[in-house]
Amino acid sequence: MARFKHVFYLLIVLTFLSGCSLIPMPPWSPTEAPLEPTEPLPTETLPAYPIEITSTSSPTMAPTLEGTQPPLAESPAPLPQPEFVLQTGSPFYLPNFTHPAAGCNWMGIAGQVFDLDGTEIQGLIIRSGEFSAITGEAISYGPGGFEVQISTAPVNSSGLVTIQVFDTNGQALSNQIFIDTYEDCERNLVLVNFVRVEATNLPTMTPTLEAYP
């Protein structure tokens, strides 16, 4: 029995000494400190396509016609019986003499509307693009004179500038007339006269600067 007791005690001692290998322990790993949140780095937005600079000089802007628009694909249908048509000799080109301070920095259309007997008609509406005038308000061209400024400089144009006569109710009294303009300081005033269709005995329009007050 004494020998068995010694064997029993020896097994207990061996059990304590080998406890680390007999009882499995989870593997140890060092605890890492959590990373502090950081703000994302700013990113530079690049253009979708490379930009190539070809010149450092400012572009040259050409003068444009004020208040005029290119004609529509379909021009207004002509009136079946217009009351007024262009006087023979219209349009007639002269240098700007009514605005001497502006000189060549001006371009416009002016004229009169005549009745059957050659009397100037006042109170009719003249439209050119987005601008309008009333006959009789620009007496520099006569008792029934009108004037519409279309640009701040003379320019070449064809099919851009129009002029038309209306009554006070907005009813068209003439067909829409297309006027050519020129980049010429000696032709920056366009004189356009209208006469009644029946007025066939009126003289041809041949104005001169001396004819105006």
N, C-alpha and C. Protein backbone atom coordinates (compact mmCIF):
# COMPACT_ATOMS: atom_id res chain seq x y z
N MET A 1 0.82 -1.21 0.00
CA MET A 1 0.00 0.00 0.00
C MET A 1 0.85 1.25 0.00
N ALA A 2 1.94 1.23 0.77
CA ALA A 2 2.81 2.43 0.84
C ALA A 2 3.37 2.76 -0.51
N ARG A 3 3.65 1.72 -1.32
CA ARG A 3 4.22 2.00 -2.64
C ARG A 3 3.19 2.65 -3.53
N PHE A 4 1.90 2.20 -3.40
CA PHE A 4 0.85 2.82 -4.21
C PHE A 4 0.62 4.25 -3.81
N LYS A 5 0.76 4.58 -2.50
CA LYS A 5 0.60 5.96 -2.06
C LYS A 5 1.65 6.84 -2.69
N HIS A 6 2.92 6.33 -2.71
CA HIS A 6 3.99 7.14 -3.34
C HIS A 6 3.71 7.37 -4.81
N VAL A 7 3.19 6.34 -5.48
CA VAL A 7 2.87 6.51 -6.92
C VAL A 7 1.77 7.54 -7.10
N PHE A 8 0.77 7.50 -6.18
CA PHE A 8 -0.36 8.44 -6.27
C PHE A 8 0.11 9.87 -6.09
N TYR A 9 1.00 10.10 -5.04
CA TYR A 9 1.52 11.44 -4.80
C TYR A 9 2.35 11.92 -5.98
N LEU A 10 3.12 10.99 -6.58
CA LEU A 10 3.96 11.36 -7.71
C LEU A 10 3.12 11.81 -8.90
N LEU A 11 1.98 11.12 -9.11
CA LEU A 11 1.08 11.53 -10.22
C LEU A 11 0.49 12.92 -9.99
N ILE A 12 0.16 13.23 -8.71
CA ILE A 12 -0.39 14.57 -8.40
C ILE A 12 0.62 15.64 -8.68
N VAL A 13 1.90 15.42 -8.26
CA VAL A 13 2.95 16.42 -8.48
C VAL A 13 3.19 16.62 -9.96
N LEU A 14 3.24 15.48 -10.71
CA LEU A 14 3.46 15.60 -12.15
C LEU A 14 2.32 16.34 -12.84
N THR A 15 1.12 16.14 -12.29
CA THR A 15 -0.05 16.83 -12.89
C THR A 15 0.07 18.33 -12.73
N PHE A 16 0.46 18.82 -11.52
CA PHE A 16 0.64 20.26 -11.30
C PHE A 16 1.77 20.84 -12.13
N LEU A 17 2.89 20.04 -12.23
CA LEU A 17 4.04 20.55 -12.97
C LEU A 17 3.75 20.65 -14.47
N SER A 18 2.91 19.81 -14.99
CA SER A 18 2.62 19.82 -16.44
C SER A 18 1.25 20.41 -16.74
N GLY A 19 0.78 21.26 -15.83
CA GLY A 19 -0.56 21.83 -16.02
C GLY A 19 -0.68 22.68 -17.26
N CYS A 20 0.41 23.37 -17.62
CA CYS A 20 0.32 24.28 -18.81
C CYS A 20 0.10 23.51 -20.08
N SER A 21 0.64 22.29 -20.16
CA SER A 21 0.49 21.52 -21.39
C SER A 21 -0.76 20.68 -21.38
N LEU A 22 -1.29 20.34 -20.18
CA LEU A 22 -2.48 19.51 -20.12
C LEU A 22 -3.74 20.33 -20.33
N ILE A 23 -3.76 21.64 -19.88
CA ILE A 23 -4.94 22.51 -20.03
C ILE A 23 -4.67 23.45 -21.20
N PRO A 24 -5.38 23.26 -22.29
CA PRO A 24 -5.10 24.14 -23.47
C PRO A 24 -5.47 25.56 -23.17
N MET A 25 -4.62 26.54 -23.61
CA MET A 25 -4.83 27.97 -23.42
C MET A 25 -4.93 28.63 -24.79
N PRO A 26 -5.78 29.59 -24.91
CA PRO A 26 -5.89 30.29 -26.22
C PRO A 26 -4.60 31.01 -26.55
N PRO A 27 -4.22 31.01 -27.78
CA PRO A 27 -2.96 31.70 -28.16
C PRO A 27 -3.04 33.18 -27.84
N TRP A 28 -1.97 33.74 -27.37
CA TRP A 28 -1.92 35.15 -26.97
C TRP A 28 -1.44 35.99 -28.14
N SER A 29 -2.08 37.10 -28.36
CA SER A 29 -1.64 38.05 -29.40
C SER A 29 -1.68 39.43 -28.80
N PRO A 30 -0.73 40.25 -29.12
CA PRO A 30 -0.68 41.60 -28.53
C PRO A 30 -1.90 42.41 -28.96
N THR A 31 -2.43 43.18 -28.06
CA THR A 31 -3.58 44.03 -28.34
C THR A 31 -3.12 45.29 -29.07
N GLU A 32 -3.70 45.52 -30.28
CA GLU A 32 -3.32 46.70 -31.04
C GLU A 32 -4.25 47.85 -30.70
N ALA A 33 -3.68 49.05 -30.56
CA ALA A 33 -4.48 50.23 -30.25
C ALA A 33 -5.26 50.64 -31.49
N PRO A 34 -6.53 51.00 -31.33
CA PRO A 34 -7.33 51.40 -32.50
C PRO A 34 -6.76 52.65 -33.16
N LEU A 35 -6.79 52.64 -34.47
CA LEU A 35 -6.29 53.81 -35.21
C LEU A 35 -7.28 54.95 -35.10
N GLU A 36 -6.75 56.17 -34.94
CA GLU A 36 -7.61 57.35 -34.88
C GLU A 36 -8.13 57.67 -36.28
N PRO A 37 -9.41 57.99 -36.40
CA PRO A 37 -9.94 58.32 -37.74
C PRO A 37 -9.28 59.57 -38.30
N THR A 38 -8.96 59.52 -39.54
CA THR A 38 -8.32 60.66 -40.20
C THR A 38 -9.21 61.14 -41.32
N GLU A 39 -9.15 62.45 -41.61
CA GLU A 39 -9.93 63.03 -42.70
C GLU A 39 -9.31 62.64 -44.04
N PRO A 40 -10.16 62.38 -45.03
CA PRO A 40 -9.61 62.02 -46.35
C PRO A 40 -8.84 63.18 -46.96
N LEU A 41 -7.78 62.84 -47.63
CA LEU A 41 -6.97 63.86 -48.28
C LEU A 41 -7.74 64.51 -49.41
N PRO A 42 -7.65 65.83 -49.55
CA PRO A 42 -8.38 66.49 -50.65
C PRO A 42 -7.85 66.03 -51.99
N THR A 43 -8.77 65.85 -52.91
CA THR A 43 -8.39 65.44 -54.26
C THR A 43 -8.64 66.58 -55.21
N GLU A 44 -7.80 66.77 -56.16
CA GLU A 44 -7.91 67.85 -57.15
C GLU A 44 -8.74 67.36 -58.34
N THR A 45 -9.76 68.14 -58.66
CA THR A 45 -10.61 67.78 -59.80
C THR A 45 -9.96 68.28 -61.09
N LEU A 46 -9.65 67.36 -61.96
CA LEU A 46 -9.01 67.70 -63.22
C LEU A 46 -10.05 67.81 -64.31
N PRO A 47 -9.85 68.69 -65.28
CA PRO A 47 -10.80 68.77 -66.40
C PRO A 47 -10.83 67.48 -67.19
N ALA A 48 -11.99 67.25 -67.80
CA ALA A 48 -12.14 66.01 -68.55
C ALA A 48 -11.21 65.95 -69.75
N TYR A 49 -10.87 67.12 -70.31
CA TYR A 49 -10.00 67.17 -71.46
C TYR A 49 -8.92 68.21 -71.21
N PRO A 50 -7.75 68.01 -71.74
CA PRO A 50 -6.70 69.02 -71.54
C PRO A 50 -7.07 70.33 -72.19
N ILE A 51 -6.71 71.43 -71.54
CA ILE A 51 -6.98 72.77 -72.06
C ILE A 51 -5.70 73.29 -72.69
N GLU A 52 -5.82 73.67 -73.93
CA GLU A 52 -4.65 74.17 -74.65
C GLU A 52 -4.83 75.66 -74.91
N ILE A 53 -3.93 76.48 -74.41
CA ILE A 53 -3.98 77.92 -74.62
C ILE A 53 -3.15 78.23 -75.85
N THR A 54 -3.85 78.77 -76.85
CA THR A 54 -3.16 79.05 -78.11
C THR A 54 -2.74 80.50 -78.25
N SER A 55 -3.38 81.37 -77.48
CA SER A 55 -3.04 82.78 -77.61
C SER A 55 -3.35 83.48 -76.31
N THR A 56 -2.57 84.48 -75.97
CA THR A 56 -2.79 85.24 -74.75
C THR A 56 -3.50 86.54 -75.03
N SER A 57 -3.76 86.85 -76.27
CA SER A 57 -4.42 88.10 -76.61
C SER A 57 -5.93 87.92 -76.52
N SER A 58 -6.67 89.01 -76.23
CA SER A 58 -8.11 88.96 -76.14
C SER A 58 -8.72 88.87 -77.53
N PRO A 59 -9.84 88.13 -77.66
CA PRO A 59 -10.46 88.02 -78.98
C PRO A 59 -11.03 89.35 -79.42
N THR A 60 -11.04 89.57 -80.69
CA THR A 60 -11.60 90.80 -81.25
C THR A 60 -13.07 90.58 -81.51
N MET A 61 -13.91 91.45 -80.93
CA MET A 61 -15.34 91.33 -81.07
C MET A 61 -15.82 92.21 -82.22
N ALA A 62 -16.51 91.60 -83.15
CA ALA A 62 -17.05 92.36 -84.27
C ALA A 62 -18.36 93.01 -83.86
N PRO A 63 -18.67 94.18 -84.38
CA PRO A 63 -19.95 94.81 -84.04
C PRO A 63 -21.11 93.97 -84.51
N THR A 64 -22.18 93.97 -83.74
CA THR A 64 -23.35 93.18 -84.09
C THR A 64 -24.53 94.11 -84.31
N LEU A 65 -25.48 93.63 -85.07
CA LEU A 65 -26.69 94.39 -85.30
C LEU A 65 -27.58 94.29 -84.08
N GLU A 66 -27.96 95.43 -83.53
CA GLU A 66 -28.79 95.45 -82.34
C GLU A 66 -30.26 95.35 -82.74
N GLY A 67 -30.95 94.47 -82.06
CA GLY A 67 -32.38 94.37 -82.28
C GLY A 67 -32.78 93.64 -83.55
N THR A 68 -31.85 92.97 -84.21
CA THR A 68 -32.21 92.23 -85.42
C THR A 68 -31.94 90.76 -85.21
N GLN A 69 -32.70 89.94 -85.86
CA GLN A 69 -32.56 88.50 -85.77
C GLN A 69 -32.49 87.93 -87.17
N PRO A 70 -31.74 86.81 -87.35
CA PRO A 70 -31.76 86.17 -88.66
C PRO A 70 -33.19 85.80 -89.05
N PRO A 71 -33.53 85.90 -90.32
CA PRO A 71 -34.89 85.56 -90.73
C PRO A 71 -35.22 84.11 -90.43
N LEU A 72 -36.49 83.85 -90.17
CA LEU A 72 -36.92 82.49 -89.90
C LEU A 72 -36.77 81.64 -91.14
N ALA A 73 -36.79 80.32 -90.91
CA ALA A 73 -36.65 79.42 -92.05
C ALA A 73 -37.74 79.70 -93.08
N GLU A 74 -38.95 80.04 -92.60
CA GLU A 74 -40.03 80.40 -93.50
C GLU A 74 -40.39 81.86 -93.27
N SER A 75 -40.16 82.72 -94.27
CA SER A 75 -40.49 84.13 -94.15
C SER A 75 -42.01 84.28 -94.12
N PRO A 76 -42.49 85.38 -93.49
CA PRO A 76 -43.94 85.59 -93.47
C PRO A 76 -44.49 85.65 -94.89
N ALA A 77 -45.66 85.09 -95.05
CA ALA A 77 -46.28 85.08 -96.37
C ALA A 77 -46.59 86.52 -96.80
N PRO A 78 -46.38 86.85 -98.04
CA PRO A 78 -46.67 88.20 -98.50
C PRO A 78 -48.16 88.51 -98.39
N LEU A 79 -48.45 89.78 -98.13
CA LEU A 79 -49.85 90.19 -98.02
C LEU A 79 -50.54 90.07 -99.37
N PRO A 80 -51.79 89.64 -99.39
CA PRO A 80 -52.49 89.55 -100.68
C PRO A 80 -52.66 90.91 -101.35
N GLN A 81 -52.90 91.95 -100.54
CA GLN A 81 -53.04 93.30 -101.07
C GLN A 81 -52.40 94.30 -100.11
N PRO A 82 -51.07 94.45 -100.16
CA PRO A 82 -50.42 95.42 -99.27
C PRO A 82 -50.84 96.85 -99.62
N GLU A 83 -50.95 97.68 -98.60
CA GLU A 83 -51.33 99.07 -98.84
C GLU A 83 -50.13 99.92 -99.24
N PHE A 84 -48.93 99.53 -98.74
CA PHE A 84 -47.75 100.34 -99.00
C PHE A 84 -46.64 99.47 -99.59
N VAL A 85 -45.89 100.07 -100.49
CA VAL A 85 -44.73 99.41 -101.10
C VAL A 85 -43.57 100.40 -101.06
N LEU A 86 -42.37 99.92 -101.36
CA LEU A 86 -41.20 100.80 -101.39
C LEU A 86 -41.33 101.82 -102.52
N GLN A 87 -40.95 103.04 -102.19
CA GLN A 87 -40.87 104.05 -103.24
C GLN A 87 -39.71 103.72 -104.17
N THR A 88 -39.89 103.99 -105.43
CA THR A 88 -38.82 103.73 -106.40
C THR A 88 -37.56 104.49 -105.97
N GLY A 89 -36.46 103.80 -105.91
CA GLY A 89 -35.20 104.38 -105.46
C GLY A 89 -34.81 103.97 -104.06
N SER A 90 -35.74 103.37 -103.31
CA SER A 90 -35.44 102.89 -101.95
C SER A 90 -34.89 101.46 -102.03
N PRO A 91 -33.92 101.13 -101.16
CA PRO A 91 -33.28 102.00 -100.16
C PRO A 91 -32.18 102.86 -100.78
N PHE A 92 -31.90 103.96 -100.09
CA PHE A 92 -30.87 104.90 -100.53
C PHE A 92 -29.91 105.11 -99.37
N TYR A 93 -28.61 105.07 -99.65
CA TYR A 93 -27.60 105.07 -98.59
C TYR A 93 -26.89 106.42 -98.51
N LEU A 94 -26.77 106.93 -97.28
CA LEU A 94 -26.11 108.20 -97.00
C LEU A 94 -25.28 108.07 -95.73
N PRO A 95 -24.31 108.98 -95.52
CA PRO A 95 -23.62 109.00 -94.22
C PRO A 95 -24.56 109.52 -93.14
N ASN A 96 -24.33 109.13 -91.92
CA ASN A 96 -25.15 109.57 -90.80
C ASN A 96 -24.96 111.08 -90.59
N PHE A 97 -26.00 111.84 -90.86
CA PHE A 97 -25.91 113.29 -90.69
C PHE A 97 -26.79 113.81 -89.57
N THR A 98 -27.67 112.96 -89.03
CA THR A 98 -28.57 113.41 -87.97
C THR A 98 -27.98 113.23 -86.57
N HIS A 99 -26.91 112.47 -86.46
CA HIS A 99 -26.25 112.26 -85.17
C HIS A 99 -24.75 112.52 -85.35
N PRO A 100 -24.36 113.77 -85.50
CA PRO A 100 -22.95 114.07 -85.78
C PRO A 100 -22.00 113.65 -84.67
N ALA A 101 -22.48 113.64 -83.42
CA ALA A 101 -21.62 113.24 -82.32
C ALA A 101 -21.28 111.75 -82.41
N ALA A 102 -22.20 110.96 -82.88
CA ALA A 102 -21.95 109.53 -83.02
C ALA A 102 -21.10 109.23 -84.25
N GLY A 103 -21.31 109.99 -85.32
CA GLY A 103 -20.51 109.80 -86.52
C GLY A 103 -20.66 108.39 -87.07
N CYS A 104 -19.53 107.68 -87.16
CA CYS A 104 -19.53 106.33 -87.72
C CYS A 104 -19.92 105.28 -86.68
N ASN A 105 -20.05 105.68 -85.43
CA ASN A 105 -20.46 104.74 -84.38
C ASN A 105 -21.99 104.66 -84.32
N TRP A 106 -22.58 104.49 -85.47
CA TRP A 106 -24.05 104.49 -85.55
C TRP A 106 -24.44 103.90 -86.89
N MET A 107 -25.56 103.19 -86.91
CA MET A 107 -26.16 102.74 -88.16
C MET A 107 -27.66 102.58 -87.95
N GLY A 108 -28.44 103.07 -88.90
CA GLY A 108 -29.88 103.01 -88.73
C GLY A 108 -30.62 103.14 -90.04
N ILE A 109 -31.95 102.99 -89.92
CA ILE A 109 -32.85 103.12 -91.05
C ILE A 109 -33.81 104.27 -90.76
N ALA A 110 -34.07 105.09 -91.76
CA ALA A 110 -34.96 106.24 -91.60
C ALA A 110 -35.71 106.47 -92.90
N GLY A 111 -36.75 107.30 -92.82
CA GLY A 111 -37.51 107.61 -94.02
C GLY A 111 -38.87 108.15 -93.69
N GLN A 112 -39.80 108.05 -94.66
CA GLN A 112 -41.16 108.54 -94.49
C GLN A 112 -42.13 107.59 -95.21
N VAL A 113 -43.41 107.78 -94.89
CA VAL A 113 -44.48 107.05 -95.56
C VAL A 113 -45.41 108.08 -96.20
N PHE A 114 -45.68 107.93 -97.51
CA PHE A 114 -46.44 108.94 -98.25
C PHE A 114 -47.81 108.40 -98.67
N ASP A 115 -48.76 109.33 -98.70
CA ASP A 115 -50.10 109.03 -99.15
C ASP A 115 -50.18 109.15 -100.67
N LEU A 116 -51.38 109.00 -101.21
CA LEU A 116 -51.56 109.02 -102.66
C LEU A 116 -51.08 110.32 -103.30
N ASP A 117 -51.34 111.44 -102.62
CA ASP A 117 -50.99 112.74 -103.18
C ASP A 117 -49.61 113.21 -102.76
N GLY A 118 -48.82 112.33 -102.14
CA GLY A 118 -47.48 112.71 -101.72
C GLY A 118 -47.41 113.31 -100.34
N THR A 119 -48.55 113.33 -99.59
CA THR A 119 -48.55 113.86 -98.24
C THR A 119 -47.95 112.85 -97.28
N GLU A 120 -47.12 113.36 -96.36
CA GLU A 120 -46.49 112.48 -95.38
C GLU A 120 -47.54 111.99 -94.38
N ILE A 121 -47.55 110.69 -94.12
CA ILE A 121 -48.51 110.10 -93.18
C ILE A 121 -47.84 109.96 -91.82
N GLN A 122 -48.48 110.46 -90.80
CA GLN A 122 -47.97 110.37 -89.44
C GLN A 122 -48.77 109.34 -88.64
N GLY A 123 -48.13 108.81 -87.59
CA GLY A 123 -48.82 107.90 -86.68
C GLY A 123 -48.78 106.44 -87.05
N LEU A 124 -48.07 106.07 -88.13
CA LEU A 124 -47.91 104.66 -88.46
C LEU A 124 -46.70 104.09 -87.73
N ILE A 125 -46.70 102.78 -87.54
CA ILE A 125 -45.62 102.11 -86.81
C ILE A 125 -44.68 101.44 -87.81
N ILE A 126 -43.38 101.68 -87.63
CA ILE A 126 -42.34 101.06 -88.44
C ILE A 126 -41.56 100.11 -87.56
N ARG A 127 -41.46 98.87 -87.97
CA ARG A 127 -40.72 97.88 -87.18
C ARG A 127 -39.52 97.38 -87.97
N SER A 128 -38.40 97.29 -87.24
CA SER A 128 -37.18 96.71 -87.79
C SER A 128 -36.59 95.81 -86.72
N GLY A 129 -36.74 94.50 -86.90
CA GLY A 129 -36.29 93.58 -85.86
C GLY A 129 -37.09 93.78 -84.59
N GLU A 130 -36.39 94.00 -83.49
CA GLU A 130 -37.04 94.20 -82.19
C GLU A 130 -37.36 95.66 -81.93
N PHE A 131 -36.93 96.55 -82.79
CA PHE A 131 -37.13 97.98 -82.59
C PHE A 131 -38.30 98.48 -83.41
N SER A 132 -38.87 99.59 -82.97
CA SER A 132 -39.97 100.19 -83.69
C SER A 132 -39.90 101.70 -83.57
N ALA A 133 -40.55 102.38 -84.49
CA ALA A 133 -40.61 103.84 -84.49
C ALA A 133 -41.98 104.24 -85.02
N ILE A 134 -42.33 105.49 -84.81
CA ILE A 134 -43.61 106.02 -85.26
C ILE A 134 -43.35 107.15 -86.25
N THR A 135 -44.02 107.09 -87.38
CA THR A 135 -43.83 108.13 -88.38
C THR A 135 -44.29 109.48 -87.83
N GLY A 136 -43.48 110.49 -88.08
CA GLY A 136 -43.76 111.82 -87.58
C GLY A 136 -42.96 112.19 -86.36
N GLU A 137 -42.21 111.24 -85.78
CA GLU A 137 -41.42 111.53 -84.58
C GLU A 137 -39.98 111.92 -84.90
N ALA A 138 -39.52 111.72 -86.13
CA ALA A 138 -38.14 112.08 -86.50
C ALA A 138 -38.23 113.10 -87.64
N ILE A 139 -38.53 114.34 -87.28
CA ILE A 139 -38.80 115.37 -88.29
C ILE A 139 -37.54 115.81 -89.03
N SER A 140 -36.36 115.31 -88.63
CA SER A 140 -35.15 115.61 -89.38
C SER A 140 -35.24 115.06 -90.80
N TYR A 141 -36.10 114.07 -91.01
CA TYR A 141 -36.26 113.46 -92.32
C TYR A 141 -37.53 113.94 -93.03
N GLY A 142 -38.26 114.84 -92.40
CA GLY A 142 -39.49 115.36 -92.97
C GLY A 142 -40.63 115.28 -91.97
N PRO A 143 -41.79 115.86 -92.31
CA PRO A 143 -42.92 115.88 -91.37
C PRO A 143 -43.38 114.49 -90.95
N GLY A 144 -43.20 113.51 -91.80
CA GLY A 144 -43.61 112.14 -91.44
C GLY A 144 -42.43 111.22 -91.19
N GLY A 145 -41.31 111.80 -90.77
CA GLY A 145 -40.09 111.02 -90.65
C GLY A 145 -40.10 110.01 -89.51
N PHE A 146 -39.39 108.91 -89.72
CA PHE A 146 -39.15 107.91 -88.69
C PHE A 146 -37.68 107.55 -88.71
N GLU A 147 -37.20 106.98 -87.62
CA GLU A 147 -35.80 106.56 -87.53
C GLU A 147 -35.68 105.39 -86.57
N VAL A 148 -34.92 104.36 -86.96
CA VAL A 148 -34.65 103.19 -86.12
C VAL A 148 -33.15 102.93 -86.15
N GLN A 149 -32.50 103.01 -84.99
CA GLN A 149 -31.08 102.64 -84.91
C GLN A 149 -30.98 101.13 -84.80
N ILE A 150 -30.12 100.52 -85.61
CA ILE A 150 -29.99 99.06 -85.62
C ILE A 150 -28.62 98.58 -85.19
N SER A 151 -27.64 99.48 -85.05
CA SER A 151 -26.30 99.04 -84.66
C SER A 151 -25.51 100.24 -84.17
N THR A 152 -24.43 99.95 -83.44
CA THR A 152 -23.52 101.01 -82.97
C THR A 152 -22.32 101.15 -83.89
N ALA A 153 -22.34 100.47 -85.02
CA ALA A 153 -21.26 100.59 -86.00
C ALA A 153 -21.77 100.01 -87.31
N PRO A 154 -21.30 100.52 -88.44
CA PRO A 154 -21.73 99.96 -89.72
C PRO A 154 -21.14 98.57 -89.93
N VAL A 155 -21.96 97.65 -90.37
CA VAL A 155 -21.53 96.27 -90.61
C VAL A 155 -22.14 95.78 -91.91
N ASN A 156 -21.48 94.78 -92.49
CA ASN A 156 -22.02 94.13 -93.68
C ASN A 156 -23.06 93.10 -93.26
N SER A 157 -24.20 93.13 -93.90
CA SER A 157 -25.23 92.13 -93.62
C SER A 157 -26.12 91.99 -94.84
N SER A 158 -26.64 90.79 -95.00
CA SER A 158 -27.58 90.51 -96.08
C SER A 158 -28.62 89.53 -95.57
N GLY A 159 -29.87 89.92 -95.62
CA GLY A 159 -30.94 89.05 -95.14
C GLY A 159 -31.16 89.09 -93.66
N LEU A 160 -30.53 90.03 -92.95
CA LEU A 160 -30.70 90.13 -91.50
C LEU A 160 -31.63 91.26 -91.09
N VAL A 161 -31.56 92.39 -91.78
CA VAL A 161 -32.31 93.57 -91.40
C VAL A 161 -33.62 93.62 -92.19
N THR A 162 -34.71 93.81 -91.48
CA THR A 162 -36.02 93.91 -92.12
C THR A 162 -36.70 95.20 -91.71
N ILE A 163 -37.68 95.61 -92.49
CA ILE A 163 -38.49 96.78 -92.16
C ILE A 163 -39.89 96.53 -92.68
N GLN A 164 -40.89 97.01 -91.92
CA GLN A 164 -42.28 96.74 -92.28
C GLN A 164 -43.16 97.82 -91.66
N VAL A 165 -44.26 98.15 -92.34
CA VAL A 165 -45.19 99.18 -91.89
C VAL A 165 -46.41 98.51 -91.26
N PHE A 166 -46.84 99.04 -90.09
CA PHE A 166 -48.02 98.54 -89.39
C PHE A 166 -48.90 99.72 -89.01
N ASP A 167 -50.20 99.44 -88.81
CA ASP A 167 -51.07 100.48 -88.26
C ASP A 167 -51.03 100.39 -86.74
N THR A 168 -51.79 101.25 -86.07
CA THR A 168 -51.74 101.31 -84.61
C THR A 168 -52.34 100.08 -83.95
N ASN A 169 -53.06 99.26 -84.71
CA ASN A 169 -53.63 98.02 -84.17
C ASN A 169 -52.73 96.82 -84.40
N GLY A 170 -51.54 97.05 -84.99
CA GLY A 170 -50.62 95.96 -85.24
C GLY A 170 -50.89 95.22 -86.53
N GLN A 171 -51.75 95.75 -87.36
CA GLN A 171 -52.04 95.12 -88.65
C GLN A 171 -50.98 95.51 -89.67
N ALA A 172 -50.39 94.52 -90.32
CA ALA A 172 -49.35 94.81 -91.31
C ALA A 172 -49.95 95.51 -92.51
N LEU A 173 -49.30 96.60 -92.93
CA LEU A 173 -49.74 97.37 -94.08
C LEU A 173 -48.79 97.22 -95.27
N SER A 174 -47.66 96.58 -95.05
CA SER A 174 -46.69 96.33 -96.13
C SER A 174 -46.10 94.96 -95.93
N ASN A 175 -45.49 94.46 -96.95
CA ASN A 175 -44.74 93.22 -96.82
C ASN A 175 -43.46 93.47 -96.04
N GLN A 176 -42.88 92.42 -95.51
CA GLN A 176 -41.60 92.53 -94.83
C GLN A 176 -40.49 92.71 -95.87
N ILE A 177 -39.75 93.80 -95.74
CA ILE A 177 -38.72 94.14 -96.71
C ILE A 177 -37.35 93.87 -96.08
N PHE A 178 -36.47 93.17 -96.81
CA PHE A 178 -35.12 92.90 -96.34
C PHE A 178 -34.17 93.97 -96.89
N ILE A 179 -33.34 94.50 -95.99
CA ILE A 179 -32.43 95.59 -96.33
C ILE A 179 -31.00 95.11 -96.15
N ASP A 180 -30.15 95.34 -97.15
CA ASP A 180 -28.72 95.06 -97.02
C ASP A 180 -28.04 96.26 -96.35
N THR A 181 -27.02 95.98 -95.53
CA THR A 181 -26.23 97.04 -94.90
C THR A 181 -24.76 96.83 -95.25
N TYR A 182 -23.96 97.89 -95.04
CA TYR A 182 -22.57 97.86 -95.47
C TYR A 182 -21.66 98.42 -94.37
N GLU A 183 -20.48 97.86 -94.30
CA GLU A 183 -19.47 98.34 -93.35
C GLU A 183 -18.78 99.55 -93.97
N ASP A 184 -19.51 100.64 -94.02
CA ASP A 184 -19.04 101.84 -94.72
C ASP A 184 -19.63 103.04 -94.01
N CYS A 185 -18.77 103.91 -93.50
CA CYS A 185 -19.22 105.10 -92.78
C CYS A 185 -19.95 106.07 -93.70
N GLU A 186 -19.80 105.94 -95.00
CA GLU A 186 -20.52 106.78 -95.95
C GLU A 186 -21.88 106.20 -96.32
N ARG A 187 -22.19 105.01 -95.77
CA ARG A 187 -23.48 104.37 -96.06
C ARG A 187 -24.10 103.77 -94.80
N ASN A 188 -23.89 104.43 -93.66
CA ASN A 188 -24.44 103.88 -92.42
C ASN A 188 -25.84 104.40 -92.09
N LEU A 189 -26.40 105.24 -92.95
CA LEU A 189 -27.79 105.66 -92.84
C LEU A 189 -28.54 105.16 -94.07
N VAL A 190 -29.55 104.34 -93.82
CA VAL A 190 -30.32 103.74 -94.91
C VAL A 190 -31.68 104.45 -94.96
N LEU A 191 -31.93 105.18 -96.04
CA LEU A 191 -33.20 105.86 -96.22
C LEU A 191 -34.17 104.95 -96.97
N VAL A 192 -35.35 104.76 -96.39
CA VAL A 192 -36.37 103.90 -96.97
C VAL A 192 -37.70 104.63 -96.90
N ASN A 193 -38.30 104.90 -98.05
CA ASN A 193 -39.62 105.53 -98.12
C ASN A 193 -40.65 104.53 -98.61
N PHE A 194 -41.86 104.64 -98.06
CA PHE A 194 -42.99 103.83 -98.50
C PHE A 194 -44.05 104.72 -99.13
N VAL A 195 -44.72 104.21 -100.13
CA VAL A 195 -45.84 104.92 -100.77
C VAL A 195 -47.00 103.95 -100.91
N ARG A 196 -48.19 104.51 -101.06
CA ARG A 196 -49.34 103.65 -101.30
C ARG A 196 -49.21 102.97 -102.65
N VAL A 197 -49.79 101.80 -102.74
CA VAL A 197 -49.66 101.00 -103.95
C VAL A 197 -50.16 101.77 -105.16
N GLU A 198 -51.24 102.56 -105.01
CA GLU A 198 -51.82 103.27 -106.14
C GLU A 198 -51.04 104.52 -106.53
N ALA A 199 -50.09 104.92 -105.70
CA ALA A 199 -49.36 106.17 -105.95
C ALA A 199 -48.24 105.93 -106.95
N THR A 200 -48.62 105.80 -108.20
CA THR A 200 -47.63 105.51 -109.24
C THR A 200 -47.01 106.77 -109.83
N ASN A 201 -47.58 107.93 -109.49
CA ASN A 201 -47.07 109.16 -110.08
C ASN A 201 -46.08 109.90 -109.20
N LEU A 202 -45.70 109.29 -108.05
CA LEU A 202 -44.72 109.95 -107.19
C LEU A 202 -43.34 109.85 -107.81
N PRO A 203 -42.51 110.87 -107.63
CA PRO A 203 -41.17 110.84 -108.25
C PRO A 203 -40.28 109.78 -107.61
N THR A 204 -39.24 109.40 -108.36
CA THR A 204 -38.26 108.46 -107.84
C THR A 204 -37.48 109.08 -106.70
N MET A 205 -37.20 108.27 -105.71
CA MET A 205 -36.48 108.77 -104.52
C MET A 205 -35.01 108.97 -104.87
N THR A 206 -34.56 110.22 -104.86
CA THR A 206 -33.14 110.56 -105.08
C THR A 206 -32.75 111.63 -104.07
N PRO A 207 -32.68 111.29 -102.80
CA PRO A 207 -32.40 112.31 -101.77
C PRO A 207 -30.94 112.73 -101.78
N THR A 208 -30.71 113.92 -101.26
CA THR A 208 -29.35 114.45 -101.04
C THR A 208 -29.33 115.06 -99.65
N LEU A 209 -28.13 115.29 -99.15
CA LEU A 209 -28.00 115.88 -97.82
C LEU A 209 -28.59 117.28 -97.79
N GLU A 210 -28.51 118.01 -98.89
CA GLU A 210 -29.03 119.38 -98.93
C GLU A 210 -30.53 119.40 -98.86
N ALA A 211 -31.19 118.27 -99.13
CA ALA A 211 -32.65 118.24 -99.14
C ALA A 211 -33.24 118.17 -97.74
N TYR A 212 -32.40 117.91 -96.71
CA TYR A 212 -32.90 117.77 -95.36
C TYR A 212 -32.52 119.00 -94.54
N PRO A 213 -33.39 119.35 -93.60
CA PRO A 213 -33.10 120.55 -92.78
C PRO A 213 -31.89 120.33 -91.88
